[in-house]
Amino acid sequence: MIPVENISDWRGQEVVDTAGSKLGRLEEVYYDGETDEPSFLAVKTGLMSKSLTLVPLAHASVGRDFVRVQRTKGEFKKAPSFNPDAELSIDDEAAAYRHYGLDYSPAGSGARRLAKR
């Protein structure tokens, strides 16, 4: 395992949990607007899925053809998901932070904290 450096290069790869169980495929990377650091992965689940689930990137690592996140499959399955065809809302990102027990504050009045590139 190696630390994640250019996580955007891993789009389309499998995302696995701490035990190696598959969670889905890496669809998007969301960056923190305040630190400009990658913060969350948007993971697409299922073959015909019309939803994405955010999972924190902190302490993630990569293998030959997967990204391993430091969360369990059970925790991931209970996480809120959102429609990939709609813009991520402030409520969506706040729910993801809350689900994973992370502190959240919007970037400004009515401004989202997370952005994809």
C-alpha atoms as a PDB file:
ATOM      1  CA  MET A   1       0.000   0.000   0.000  1.00  0.00           C
ATOM      2  CA  ILE A   2       1.165   3.499  -0.765  1.00  0.00           C
ATOM      3  CA  PRO A   3      -0.261   6.853   0.328  1.00  0.00           C
ATOM      4  CA  VAL A   4      -2.583   8.617  -2.097  1.00  0.00           C
ATOM      5  CA  GLU A   5      -0.932  11.426  -4.044  1.00  0.00           C
ATOM      6  CA  ASN A   6      -2.741  12.130  -7.339  1.00  0.00           C
ATOM      7  CA  ILE A   7      -6.105  10.695  -6.359  1.00  0.00           C
ATOM      8  CA  SER A   8      -7.845  12.082  -9.464  1.00  0.00           C
ATOM      9  CA  ASP A   9      -5.801   9.624 -11.537  1.00  0.00           C
ATOM     10  CA  TRP A  10      -7.648   6.780  -9.791  1.00  0.00           C
ATOM     11  CA  ARG A  11     -11.124   7.604 -11.172  1.00  0.00           C
ATOM     12  CA  GLY A  12     -12.898   4.428 -12.288  1.00  0.00           C
ATOM     13  CA  GLN A  13     -10.943   2.190  -9.905  1.00  0.00           C
ATOM     14  CA  GLU A  14     -12.516   0.077  -7.173  1.00  0.00           C
ATOM     15  CA  VAL A  15     -12.877   1.626  -3.725  1.00  0.00           C
ATOM     16  CA  VAL A  16     -12.537  -0.857  -0.873  1.00  0.00           C
ATOM     17  CA  ASP A  17     -13.006  -0.643   2.888  1.00  0.00           C
ATOM     18  CA  THR A  18     -10.522  -1.430   5.653  1.00  0.00           C
ATOM     19  CA  ALA A  19     -11.112  -5.189   5.226  1.00  0.00           C
ATOM     20  CA  GLY A  20     -10.835  -5.092   1.426  1.00  0.00           C
ATOM     21  CA  SER A  21     -14.596  -5.358   0.754  1.00  0.00           C
ATOM     22  CA  LYS A  22     -15.676  -3.557  -2.410  1.00  0.00           C
ATOM     23  CA  LEU A  23     -17.693  -0.379  -1.914  1.00  0.00           C
ATOM     24  CA  GLY A  24     -17.992   0.714  -5.556  1.00  0.00           C
ATOM     25  CA  ARG A  25     -16.048   2.706  -8.144  1.00  0.00           C
ATOM     26  CA  LEU A  26     -14.390   6.078  -7.683  1.00  0.00           C
ATOM     27  CA  GLU A  27     -16.509   8.555  -9.646  1.00  0.00           C
ATOM     28  CA  GLU A  28     -15.374  11.994  -8.424  1.00  0.00           C
ATOM     29  CA  VAL A  29     -12.945  13.628  -6.029  1.00  0.00           C
ATOM     30  CA  TYR A  30     -14.204  16.509  -3.891  1.00  0.00           C
ATOM     31  CA  TYR A  31     -11.747  19.129  -2.667  1.00  0.00           C
ATOM     32  CA  ASP A  32     -12.074  21.287   0.432  1.00  0.00           C
ATOM     33  CA  GLY A  33     -12.510  24.862  -0.778  1.00  0.00           C
ATOM     34  CA  GLU A  34     -10.649  26.245   2.225  1.00  0.00           C
ATOM     35  CA  THR A  35      -7.541  24.034   2.109  1.00  0.00           C
ATOM     36  CA  ASP A  36      -7.598  23.056  -1.598  1.00  0.00           C
ATOM     37  CA  GLU A  37      -6.897  19.477  -0.479  1.00  0.00           C
ATOM     38  CA  PRO A  38      -8.827  16.400  -1.652  1.00  0.00           C
ATOM     39  CA  SER A  39     -11.276  15.536   1.151  1.00  0.00           C
ATOM     40  CA  PHE A  40     -13.975  13.130  -0.045  1.00  0.00           C
ATOM     41  CA  LEU A  41     -14.433  10.514  -2.725  1.00  0.00           C
ATOM     42  CA  ALA A  42     -17.779  10.142  -4.491  1.00  0.00           C
ATOM     43  CA  VAL A  43     -18.300   6.402  -4.937  1.00  0.00           C
ATOM     44  CA  LYS A  44     -20.732   4.940  -7.466  1.00  0.00           C
ATOM     45  CA  THR A  45     -22.328   1.701  -6.333  1.00  0.00           C
ATOM     46  CA  GLY A  46     -24.058  -0.962  -8.444  1.00  0.00           C
ATOM     47  CA  LEU A  47     -24.209  -1.318 -12.206  1.00  0.00           C
ATOM     48  CA  MET A  48     -27.189   0.917 -12.850  1.00  0.00           C
ATOM     49  CA  SER A  49     -26.825   3.147  -9.797  1.00  0.00           C
ATOM     50  CA  LYS A  50     -28.207   6.639  -9.972  1.00  0.00           C
ATOM     51  CA  SER A  51     -26.617   7.725  -6.712  1.00  0.00           C
ATOM     52  CA  LEU A  52     -23.211   8.494  -5.316  1.00  0.00           C
ATOM     53  CA  THR A  53     -22.014   8.183  -1.748  1.00  0.00           C
ATOM     54  CA  LEU A  54     -19.298  10.365  -0.235  1.00  0.00           C
ATOM     55  CA  VAL A  55     -16.564   8.769   1.856  1.00  0.00           C
ATOM     56  CA  PRO A  56     -13.698  10.652   3.570  1.00  0.00           C
ATOM     57  CA  LEU A  57     -10.312  10.432   1.917  1.00  0.00           C
ATOM     58  CA  ALA A  58      -8.287  10.904   5.136  1.00  0.00           C
ATOM     59  CA  HIS A  59      -5.734   8.104   5.645  1.00  0.00           C
ATOM     60  CA  ALA A  60      -6.628   6.430   2.333  1.00  0.00           C
ATOM     61  CA  SER A  61      -4.048   4.388   0.462  1.00  0.00           C
ATOM     62  CA  VAL A  62      -3.846   2.789  -2.971  1.00  0.00           C
ATOM     63  CA  GLY A  63      -2.992  -0.641  -4.267  1.00  0.00           C
ATOM     64  CA  ARG A  64      -2.342  -1.701  -7.839  1.00  0.00           C
ATOM     65  CA  ASP A  65      -5.962  -1.222  -8.947  1.00  0.00           C
ATOM     66  CA  PHE A  66      -7.945   0.041  -5.947  1.00  0.00           C
ATOM     67  CA  VAL A  67      -8.247   2.814  -3.387  1.00  0.00           C
ATOM     68  CA  ARG A  68      -8.606   1.705   0.251  1.00  0.00           C
ATOM     69  CA  VAL A  69     -10.476   4.061   2.574  1.00  0.00           C
ATOM     70  CA  GLN A  70     -10.375   3.922   6.349  1.00  0.00           C
ATOM     71  CA  ARG A  71     -14.084   3.219   6.788  1.00  0.00           C
ATOM     72  CA  THR A  72     -16.071  -0.005   7.075  1.00  0.00           C
ATOM     73  CA  LYS A  73     -18.579  -1.256   4.531  1.00  0.00           C
ATOM     74  CA  GLY A  74     -21.338  -1.033   7.144  1.00  0.00           C
ATOM     75  CA  GLU A  75     -20.557   2.599   7.867  1.00  0.00           C
ATOM     76  CA  PHE A  76     -20.402   3.352   4.132  1.00  0.00           C
ATOM     77  CA  LYS A  77     -23.752   1.653   3.402  1.00  0.00           C
ATOM     78  CA  LYS A  78     -25.482   3.824   6.041  1.00  0.00           C
ATOM     79  CA  ALA A  79     -24.002   7.047   4.625  1.00  0.00           C
ATOM     80  CA  PRO A  80     -26.294   9.495   2.808  1.00  0.00           C
ATOM     81  CA  SER A  81     -26.168   9.370  -0.973  1.00  0.00           C
ATOM     82  CA  PHE A  82     -27.000  11.939  -3.631  1.00  0.00           C
ATOM     83  CA  ASN A  83     -28.022  12.165  -7.270  1.00  0.00           C
ATOM     84  CA  PRO A  84     -24.986  12.375  -9.586  1.00  0.00           C
ATOM     85  CA  ASP A  85     -26.976  14.434 -12.113  1.00  0.00           C
ATOM     86  CA  ALA A  86     -27.643  17.189  -9.580  1.00  0.00           C
ATOM     87  CA  GLU A  87     -25.214  19.612  -7.992  1.00  0.00           C
ATOM     88  CA  LEU A  88     -24.067  18.597  -4.512  1.00  0.00           C
ATOM     89  CA  SER A  89     -26.003  20.783  -2.077  1.00  0.00           C
ATOM     90  CA  ILE A  90     -24.913  22.292   1.230  1.00  0.00           C
ATOM     91  CA  ASP A  91     -27.311  19.875   2.932  1.00  0.00           C
ATOM     92  CA  ASP A  92     -25.729  16.895   1.113  1.00  0.00           C
ATOM     93  CA  GLU A  93     -22.211  17.779   2.172  1.00  0.00           C
ATOM     94  CA  ALA A  94     -23.265  18.640   5.740  1.00  0.00           C
ATOM     95  CA  ALA A  95     -25.019  15.246   6.006  1.00  0.00           C
ATOM     96  CA  ALA A  96     -21.857  13.450   4.843  1.00  0.00           C
ATOM     97  CA  TYR A  97     -19.655  15.275   7.373  1.00  0.00           C
ATOM     98  CA  ARG A  98     -22.185  14.576  10.123  1.00  0.00           C
ATOM     99  CA  HIS A  99     -22.485  10.872   9.216  1.00  0.00           C
ATOM    100  CA  TYR A 100     -18.734  10.369   9.535  1.00  0.00           C
ATOM    101  CA  GLY A 101     -18.494  12.425  12.742  1.00  0.00           C
ATOM    102  CA  LEU A 102     -16.494  15.236  11.133  1.00  0.00           C
ATOM    103  CA  ASP A 103     -16.768  18.924  11.969  1.00  0.00           C
ATOM    104  CA  TYR A 104     -18.510  20.927   9.275  1.00  0.00           C
ATOM    105  CA  SER A 105     -18.882  24.587   8.476  1.00  0.00           C
ATOM    106  CA  PRO A 106     -19.868  26.003   5.085  1.00  0.00           C
ATOM    107  CA  ALA A 107     -17.286  28.061   3.203  1.00  0.00           C
ATOM    108  CA  GLY A 108     -19.463  31.153   3.587  1.00  0.00           C
ATOM    109  CA  SER A 109     -23.055  32.272   3.645  1.00  0.00           C
ATOM    110  CA  GLY A 110     -24.838  29.797   1.381  1.00  0.00           C
ATOM    111  CA  ALA A 111     -21.542  28.526  -0.070  1.00  0.00           C
ATOM    112  CA  ARG A 112     -20.589  24.872  -0.264  1.00  0.00           C
ATOM    113  CA  ARG A 113     -17.301  23.778   1.227  1.00  0.00           C
ATOM    114  CA  LEU A 114     -16.633  20.934  -1.233  1.00  0.00           C
ATOM    115  CA  ALA A 115     -15.987  21.245  -4.960  1.00  0.00           C
ATOM    116  CA  LYS A 116     -15.001  18.745  -7.628  1.00  0.00           C
ATOM    117  CA  ARG A 117     -12.363  19.325 -10.257  1.00  0.00           C
END
